[in-house]
Amino acid sequence: MRLLILPAAAALLAALPAPAMAGPVESGSWTSYSPTYTEQERGCGDISGLTFKLTCSDASGDQRAERRYATYSSGTRQFEGYFRISSMSGTRISLKQTFQTTGPFFMLAVEKGGRLYAVHGGTTIATGATVGTTVRVNTVHVVGGEHRTYINGSRKHTVSSPSGSFYDKFGAYRTASGQGQITVQWSNIGFWRR
């Protein structure tokens, strides 16, 4: 027997709320905090609440729609957020960044087909970030130590971190080898420190 989902039911399923925030992925004493942020819209980037779009298919130029959070330079910081790509005809779009004030440090990007990868080095971090699928992302950053990335609660990537000043960004950003279009919805954003 086949299950038939009518258009109205499909729209209702798409409108269901994202899962509740799960909280820190690593044990220990974490303190929740709320850093300030600014929004960055460039090129064909568009932000509406927590929905981030690149509306053009340009493969050049500065195309971005992102939230940039306050700079930090010490301690251990953790970010959590859930994203769901609702449409994507482009590829190689950065979704989450831990940026050093002197230049890019860590960028998590998605290719058409759902592969999540580290932009610098190209390492596959996870698969399955397909249109309509909700993905949980946590990054734990020990300044001067290492940066750890978790996907759906599982540690997937670790890289050494220099000292310096850093900030978190998320949204949609065309990488040097990428192009839009994409619409991605983020939810349940959380920050902790220790």
Protein backbone atom coordinates (compact mmCIF):
# COMPACT_ATOMS: atom_id res chain seq x y z
CA MET A 1 0.00 0.00 0.00
CA ARG A 2 1.37 3.46 -0.94
CA LEU A 3 0.96 6.45 1.31
CA LEU A 4 -0.33 9.50 -0.53
CA ILE A 5 0.52 12.89 0.96
CA LEU A 6 -1.74 15.62 -0.30
CA PRO A 7 -0.27 19.11 -0.97
CA ALA A 8 -1.98 20.58 2.10
CA ALA A 9 -0.51 17.83 4.29
CA ALA A 10 2.94 18.35 2.76
CA ALA A 11 2.72 22.06 3.55
CA LEU A 12 1.74 21.24 7.12
CA LEU A 13 4.70 18.86 7.51
CA ALA A 14 7.08 21.54 6.17
CA ALA A 15 5.76 24.03 8.72
CA LEU A 16 6.38 21.77 11.73
CA PRO A 17 8.70 23.35 14.30
CA ALA A 18 12.35 22.33 14.44
CA PRO A 19 13.44 19.97 17.20
CA ALA A 20 14.14 21.52 20.60
CA MET A 21 17.68 22.66 21.33
CA ALA A 22 19.66 19.71 22.65
CA GLY A 23 22.33 21.71 24.50
CA PRO A 24 26.09 21.24 24.82
CA VAL A 25 27.53 18.11 23.21
CA GLU A 26 30.48 17.83 25.58
CA SER A 27 30.22 17.25 29.32
CA GLY A 28 31.49 19.73 31.86
CA SER A 29 30.40 23.03 33.27
CA TRP A 30 29.02 25.23 30.48
CA THR A 31 27.49 28.69 30.92
CA SER A 32 24.90 29.83 28.40
CA TYR A 33 25.36 33.34 26.98
CA SER A 34 23.88 35.53 24.24
CA PRO A 35 26.50 37.31 22.13
CA THR A 36 25.43 40.31 20.06
CA TYR A 37 25.30 39.98 16.29
CA THR A 38 25.07 41.93 13.06
CA GLU A 39 23.56 40.78 9.77
CA GLN A 40 25.43 40.80 6.48
CA GLU A 41 23.59 40.87 3.14
CA ARG A 42 25.76 41.22 0.05
CA GLY A 43 25.17 40.58 -3.62
CA CYS A 44 22.00 38.52 -3.95
CA GLY A 45 21.96 37.58 -0.26
CA ASP A 46 18.67 38.02 1.59
CA ILE A 47 17.81 37.52 5.27
CA SER A 48 14.32 37.24 6.73
CA GLY A 49 14.41 36.24 10.40
CA LEU A 50 16.36 32.98 10.46
CA THR A 51 15.85 32.26 6.74
CA PHE A 52 18.92 32.93 4.61
CA LYS A 53 18.82 33.01 0.80
CA LEU A 54 21.12 33.40 -2.14
CA THR A 55 18.67 34.26 -4.90
CA CYS A 56 21.07 34.24 -7.88
CA SER A 57 23.13 31.52 -9.54
CA ASP A 58 26.23 33.71 -9.89
CA ALA A 59 29.55 31.87 -9.63
CA SER A 60 31.44 35.09 -8.89
CA GLY A 61 31.14 38.11 -6.65
CA ASP A 62 30.41 38.42 -2.95
CA GLN A 63 27.12 36.58 -2.42
CA ARG A 64 26.20 36.22 1.26
CA ALA A 65 23.40 36.30 3.82
CA GLU A 66 24.85 35.74 7.30
CA ARG A 67 24.72 36.54 10.98
CA ARG A 68 28.09 37.55 12.44
CA TYR A 69 28.44 37.24 16.21
CA ALA A 70 30.66 39.12 18.66
CA THR A 71 34.42 38.51 18.69
CA TYR A 72 36.07 36.38 21.40
CA SER A 73 39.75 35.70 22.07
CA SER A 74 40.00 33.26 24.99
CA GLY A 75 38.45 30.24 26.65
CA THR A 76 36.27 27.52 25.16
CA ARG A 77 33.17 28.45 23.16
CA GLN A 78 30.37 26.25 21.89
CA PHE A 79 27.84 27.02 19.16
CA GLU A 80 24.70 25.02 18.41
CA GLY A 81 22.22 25.48 15.61
CA TYR A 82 19.89 23.46 13.42
CA PHE A 83 19.59 24.05 9.69
CA ARG A 84 17.18 22.79 7.07
CA ILE A 85 17.75 23.48 3.38
CA SER A 86 14.36 24.10 1.80
CA SER A 87 15.66 24.58 -1.76
CA MET A 88 19.04 24.34 -3.42
CA SER A 89 19.92 24.48 -7.11
CA GLY A 90 23.48 25.67 -6.40
CA THR A 91 26.42 23.97 -4.71
CA ARG A 92 29.38 24.57 -2.41
CA ILE A 93 27.66 27.03 -0.09
CA SER A 94 29.15 27.74 3.35
CA LEU A 95 26.58 27.40 6.13
CA LYS A 96 28.63 27.85 9.36
CA GLN A 97 31.96 29.56 9.93
CA THR A 98 34.35 30.04 12.82
CA PHE A 99 36.23 33.00 11.44
CA GLN A 100 39.53 34.43 12.66
CA THR A 101 39.71 38.23 12.48
CA THR A 102 42.84 37.85 10.32
CA GLY A 103 41.03 35.61 7.79
CA PRO A 104 39.07 32.37 7.32
CA PHE A 105 39.71 29.60 9.86
CA PHE A 106 36.93 26.99 9.64
CA MET A 107 34.09 26.90 7.12
CA LEU A 108 31.43 24.16 6.97
CA ALA A 109 29.89 24.02 3.49
CA VAL A 110 27.37 21.88 1.63
CA GLU A 111 27.46 20.54 -1.90
CA LYS A 112 24.42 19.74 -3.99
CA GLY A 113 23.59 16.17 -3.02
CA GLY A 114 24.08 16.79 0.71
CA ARG A 115 27.81 16.35 1.38
CA LEU A 116 29.02 18.57 4.25
CA TYR A 117 32.72 19.37 4.04
CA ALA A 118 35.47 21.59 5.44
CA VAL A 119 36.20 24.27 2.83
CA HIS A 120 39.90 24.42 3.73
CA GLY A 121 41.24 20.96 2.88
CA GLY A 122 37.99 19.59 1.43
CA THR A 123 37.56 16.90 4.11
CA THR A 124 34.13 15.28 4.11
CA ILE A 125 32.50 15.91 7.49
CA ALA A 126 29.14 14.21 6.92
CA THR A 127 26.57 13.31 4.29
CA GLY A 128 22.80 13.54 4.26
CA ALA A 129 22.31 17.33 4.38
CA THR A 130 19.70 17.03 1.64
CA VAL A 131 16.77 19.33 0.91
CA GLY A 132 14.16 19.02 3.67
CA THR A 133 16.44 17.30 6.22
CA THR A 134 17.12 19.00 9.56
CA VAL A 135 20.77 18.86 10.65
CA ARG A 136 22.16 19.78 14.07
CA VAL A 137 25.57 21.49 14.10
CA ASN A 138 27.74 22.06 17.18
CA THR A 139 31.22 23.56 17.12
CA VAL A 140 33.45 23.56 20.19
CA HIS A 141 36.38 25.95 19.95
CA VAL A 142 39.27 25.95 22.41
CA VAL A 143 41.17 29.11 21.49
CA GLY A 144 44.85 28.17 21.07
CA GLY A 145 43.93 24.47 21.27
CA GLU A 146 41.52 22.92 18.79
CA HIS A 147 38.21 23.27 17.00
CA ARG A 148 35.76 20.33 17.02
CA THR A 149 32.69 19.93 14.81
CA TYR A 150 29.73 17.72 15.71
CA ILE A 151 26.93 16.77 13.33
CA ASN A 152 23.73 15.43 14.90
CA GLY A 153 25.61 14.97 18.19
CA SER A 154 28.54 12.96 16.77
CA ARG A 155 32.07 14.35 16.58
CA LYS A 156 33.05 14.46 12.90
CA HIS A 157 36.01 16.83 12.50
CA THR A 158 38.88 18.23 14.58
CA VAL A 159 41.50 20.79 13.61
CA SER A 160 44.19 22.60 15.62
CA SER A 161 43.44 26.20 16.51
CA PRO A 162 45.87 29.07 16.82
CA SER A 163 45.53 31.80 19.40
CA GLY A 164 43.87 35.03 18.31
CA SER A 165 40.45 36.60 17.95
CA PHE A 166 37.52 34.71 16.41
CA TYR A 167 33.80 34.96 15.77
CA ASP A 168 30.94 32.67 14.73
CA LYS A 169 28.87 33.16 11.58
CA PHE A 170 26.05 31.16 10.04
CA GLY A 171 23.68 31.58 7.11
CA ALA A 172 24.51 31.12 3.43
CA TYR A 173 27.77 32.24 1.78
CA ARG A 174 28.98 31.38 -1.73
CA THR A 175 32.45 29.81 -1.53
CA ALA A 176 35.10 30.64 -4.15
CA SER A 177 34.15 27.49 -6.09
CA GLY A 178 30.42 27.64 -5.42
CA GLN A 179 27.23 29.21 -6.71
CA GLY A 180 23.65 29.77 -5.53
CA GLN A 181 20.71 29.44 -5.40
CA ILE A 182 19.88 28.24 -1.90
CA THR A 183 17.32 28.83 0.83
CA VAL A 184 18.33 27.61 4.30
CA GLN A 185 16.40 27.98 7.54
CA TRP A 186 18.27 28.02 10.85
CA SER A 187 16.69 27.48 14.26
CA ASN A 188 17.43 26.89 17.96
CA ILE A 189 20.67 28.85 18.07
CA GLY A 190 22.61 28.52 21.33
CA PHE A 191 25.99 29.59 22.73
CA TRP A 192 27.92 28.38 25.77
CA ARG A 193 31.35 29.10 27.24
CA ARG A 194 33.69 27.87 29.95
